């Protein structure tokens, strides 16, 4: 199962003027997308490659690096 970057429930400029479109683009489009990509590359070829993101975060037997990137993507 490939973990997907969940779409935002609002446009990137939907939190303006409190959070700018540029800031949202950076955090959602780069940081969050990077966490999702990291999870996908880390689970490839492992016992977790068909697990949901929630199952990976909840699993006690995942390596700490996988837990960290999974928890960041889930958050």
N, C-alpha and C. Protein backbone atom coordinates (compact mmCIF):
# COMPACT_ATOMS: atom_id res chain seq x y z
N UNK A 1 0.85 -1.17 0.00
CA UNK A 1 0.00 0.00 0.00
C UNK A 1 0.90 1.23 0.00
N UNK A 2 0.66 2.10 -0.92
CA UNK A 2 1.40 3.36 -0.95
C UNK A 2 0.65 4.37 -0.09
N UNK A 3 1.38 5.01 0.80
CA UNK A 3 0.80 6.05 1.63
C UNK A 3 0.64 7.29 0.76
N UNK A 4 -0.52 7.90 0.79
CA UNK A 4 -0.82 9.07 -0.04
C UNK A 4 -0.81 10.34 0.80
N UNK A 5 -0.41 11.41 0.18
CA UNK A 5 -0.50 12.73 0.82
C UNK A 5 -1.96 13.14 0.79
N UNK A 6 -2.56 13.24 1.96
CA UNK A 6 -3.98 13.59 2.04
C UNK A 6 -4.20 15.03 1.56
N UNK A 7 -5.25 15.23 0.78
CA UNK A 7 -5.52 16.60 0.33
C UNK A 7 -5.98 17.48 1.49
N UNK A 8 -5.64 18.73 1.41
CA UNK A 8 -6.11 19.68 2.42
C UNK A 8 -7.61 19.92 2.21
N UNK A 9 -8.35 20.16 3.28
CA UNK A 9 -9.78 20.42 3.14
C UNK A 9 -10.10 21.87 2.77
N UNK A 10 -9.07 22.61 2.40
CA UNK A 10 -9.21 24.02 2.04
C UNK A 10 -8.07 24.37 1.09
N UNK A 11 -8.19 25.46 0.34
CA UNK A 11 -7.10 25.86 -0.56
C UNK A 11 -5.88 26.32 0.24
N UNK A 12 -4.74 26.34 -0.41
CA UNK A 12 -3.50 26.75 0.27
C UNK A 12 -3.59 28.15 0.85
N UNK A 13 -4.42 29.00 0.28
CA UNK A 13 -4.57 30.35 0.82
C UNK A 13 -5.77 30.46 1.76
N UNK A 14 -6.34 29.34 2.14
CA UNK A 14 -7.54 29.32 2.96
C UNK A 14 -7.35 29.76 4.40
N UNK A 15 -6.13 29.84 4.87
CA UNK A 15 -5.88 30.27 6.25
C UNK A 15 -5.34 31.70 6.32
N UNK A 16 -5.25 32.35 5.16
CA UNK A 16 -4.79 33.73 5.13
C UNK A 16 -5.83 34.62 5.81
N UNK A 17 -5.44 35.64 6.45
CA UNK A 17 -4.11 36.25 6.53
C UNK A 17 -3.26 35.70 7.68
N UNK A 18 -3.77 34.72 8.42
CA UNK A 18 -3.03 34.21 9.58
C UNK A 18 -1.83 33.36 9.17
N UNK A 19 -2.03 32.51 8.18
CA UNK A 19 -0.95 31.71 7.62
C UNK A 19 -0.98 31.93 6.12
N UNK A 20 0.14 32.35 5.57
CA UNK A 20 0.18 32.72 4.15
C UNK A 20 0.17 31.48 3.25
N UNK A 21 -0.23 31.70 2.01
CA UNK A 21 -0.21 30.64 1.01
C UNK A 21 1.22 30.12 0.83
N UNK A 22 2.19 31.00 0.87
CA UNK A 22 3.59 30.60 0.72
C UNK A 22 4.01 29.66 1.85
N UNK A 23 3.63 30.00 3.08
CA UNK A 23 3.96 29.16 4.23
C UNK A 23 3.27 27.80 4.11
N UNK A 24 2.00 27.80 3.73
CA UNK A 24 1.27 26.54 3.57
C UNK A 24 1.89 25.69 2.47
N UNK A 25 2.27 26.31 1.37
CA UNK A 25 2.92 25.58 0.28
C UNK A 25 4.20 24.92 0.76
N UNK A 26 4.96 25.66 1.52
CA UNK A 26 6.23 25.14 2.02
C UNK A 26 6.00 23.98 2.99
N UNK A 27 5.13 24.16 3.96
CA UNK A 27 4.94 23.13 4.98
C UNK A 27 4.17 21.92 4.46
N UNK A 28 3.13 22.15 3.69
CA UNK A 28 2.35 21.03 3.16
C UNK A 28 3.05 20.40 1.95
N UNK A 29 3.47 21.23 1.02
CA UNK A 29 4.03 20.74 -0.23
C UNK A 29 5.44 20.21 -0.14
N UNK A 30 6.18 20.64 0.86
CA UNK A 30 7.56 20.17 1.00
C UNK A 30 7.74 19.32 2.25
N UNK A 31 7.46 19.88 3.42
CA UNK A 31 7.68 19.12 4.66
C UNK A 31 6.78 17.88 4.73
N UNK A 32 5.48 18.12 4.69
CA UNK A 32 4.55 17.00 4.85
C UNK A 32 4.69 16.00 3.71
N UNK A 33 4.82 16.48 2.49
CA UNK A 33 5.02 15.58 1.35
C UNK A 33 6.31 14.79 1.50
N UNK A 34 7.33 15.41 2.08
CA UNK A 34 8.59 14.72 2.32
C UNK A 34 8.45 13.60 3.33
N UNK A 35 7.66 13.82 4.38
CA UNK A 35 7.43 12.77 5.37
C UNK A 35 6.71 11.58 4.73
N UNK A 36 5.73 11.85 3.90
CA UNK A 36 4.99 10.79 3.22
C UNK A 36 5.92 10.02 2.29
N UNK A 37 6.74 10.71 1.53
CA UNK A 37 7.69 10.06 0.63
C UNK A 37 8.69 9.22 1.42
N UNK A 38 9.11 9.72 2.57
CA UNK A 38 10.05 8.99 3.42
C UNK A 38 9.43 7.69 3.94
N UNK A 39 8.18 7.76 4.34
CA UNK A 39 7.49 6.54 4.79
C UNK A 39 7.46 5.52 3.65
N UNK A 40 7.06 5.96 2.47
CA UNK A 40 6.95 5.04 1.34
C UNK A 40 8.29 4.40 0.98
N UNK A 41 9.36 5.17 1.01
CA UNK A 41 10.66 4.59 0.68
C UNK A 41 11.16 3.68 1.80
N UNK A 42 10.80 3.98 3.04
CA UNK A 42 11.25 3.17 4.18
C UNK A 42 10.50 1.84 4.27
N UNK A 43 9.23 1.81 3.89
CA UNK A 43 8.45 0.57 4.02
C UNK A 43 8.60 -0.36 2.81
N UNK A 44 9.15 0.13 1.72
CA UNK A 44 9.29 -0.69 0.51
C UNK A 44 10.10 -1.94 0.82
N UNK A 45 9.54 -3.09 0.49
CA UNK A 45 10.24 -4.36 0.69
C UNK A 45 10.25 -4.87 2.11
N UNK A 46 9.47 -4.26 3.00
CA UNK A 46 9.42 -4.72 4.39
C UNK A 46 8.05 -5.33 4.69
N UNK A 47 7.92 -5.87 5.88
CA UNK A 47 6.64 -6.45 6.31
C UNK A 47 5.56 -5.38 6.43
N UNK A 48 5.95 -4.13 6.46
CA UNK A 48 4.99 -3.04 6.63
C UNK A 48 4.54 -2.41 5.32
N UNK A 49 5.01 -2.92 4.19
CA UNK A 49 4.70 -2.23 2.93
C UNK A 49 3.23 -2.28 2.54
N UNK A 50 2.44 -3.15 3.13
CA UNK A 50 1.01 -3.18 2.84
C UNK A 50 0.16 -2.66 3.99
N UNK A 51 0.81 -2.10 4.99
CA UNK A 51 0.10 -1.59 6.17
C UNK A 51 -0.37 -0.16 5.94
N UNK A 52 -1.41 0.21 6.66
CA UNK A 52 -1.88 1.60 6.61
C UNK A 52 -0.94 2.45 7.47
N UNK A 53 -1.00 3.73 7.27
CA UNK A 53 -0.18 4.64 8.07
C UNK A 53 -0.52 4.50 9.55
N UNK A 54 -1.80 4.38 9.87
CA UNK A 54 -2.23 4.22 11.26
C UNK A 54 -1.66 2.94 11.87
N UNK A 55 -1.66 1.85 11.10
CA UNK A 55 -1.11 0.58 11.60
C UNK A 55 0.39 0.67 11.84
N UNK A 56 1.08 1.38 10.97
CA UNK A 56 2.53 1.54 11.14
C UNK A 56 2.83 2.33 12.40
N UNK A 57 2.11 3.42 12.61
CA UNK A 57 2.33 4.25 13.79
C UNK A 57 2.02 3.47 15.06
N UNK A 58 0.99 2.64 15.02
CA UNK A 58 0.57 1.89 16.21
C UNK A 58 1.43 0.65 16.48
N UNK A 59 2.16 0.17 15.48
CA UNK A 59 2.94 -1.06 15.65
C UNK A 59 4.11 -0.85 16.60
N UNK A 60 4.33 -1.83 17.45
CA UNK A 60 5.42 -1.75 18.42
C UNK A 60 6.74 -2.22 17.83
N UNK A 61 6.68 -2.93 16.70
CA UNK A 61 7.89 -3.54 16.17
C UNK A 61 8.52 -2.78 15.01
N UNK A 62 8.13 -1.54 14.79
CA UNK A 62 8.73 -0.78 13.69
C UNK A 62 10.03 -0.13 14.16
N UNK A 63 11.01 -0.06 13.28
CA UNK A 63 12.25 0.65 13.65
C UNK A 63 11.96 2.11 13.97
N UNK A 64 12.77 2.69 14.82
CA UNK A 64 12.50 4.07 15.26
C UNK A 64 12.47 5.06 14.10
N UNK A 65 13.32 4.88 13.10
CA UNK A 65 13.31 5.81 11.95
C UNK A 65 11.97 5.73 11.22
N UNK A 66 11.42 4.53 11.07
CA UNK A 66 10.12 4.37 10.41
C UNK A 66 9.03 4.97 11.28
N UNK A 67 9.09 4.74 12.57
CA UNK A 67 8.09 5.33 13.46
C UNK A 67 8.12 6.86 13.37
N UNK A 68 9.32 7.43 13.40
CA UNK A 68 9.44 8.89 13.37
C UNK A 68 8.84 9.49 12.10
N UNK A 69 9.21 8.97 10.94
CA UNK A 69 8.67 9.56 9.70
C UNK A 69 7.19 9.25 9.56
N UNK A 70 6.74 8.10 10.04
CA UNK A 70 5.32 7.76 9.97
C UNK A 70 4.50 8.66 10.88
N UNK A 71 4.99 8.88 12.09
CA UNK A 71 4.27 9.75 13.03
C UNK A 71 4.21 11.18 12.50
N UNK A 72 5.28 11.64 11.86
CA UNK A 72 5.27 12.99 11.29
C UNK A 72 4.27 13.07 10.14
N UNK A 73 4.21 12.05 9.31
CA UNK A 73 3.25 12.05 8.20
C UNK A 73 1.82 11.96 8.72
N UNK A 74 1.61 11.19 9.77
CA UNK A 74 0.27 11.04 10.34
C UNK A 74 -0.20 12.32 11.00
N UNK A 75 0.74 13.01 11.65
CA UNK A 75 0.40 14.23 12.37
C UNK A 75 0.04 15.32 11.39
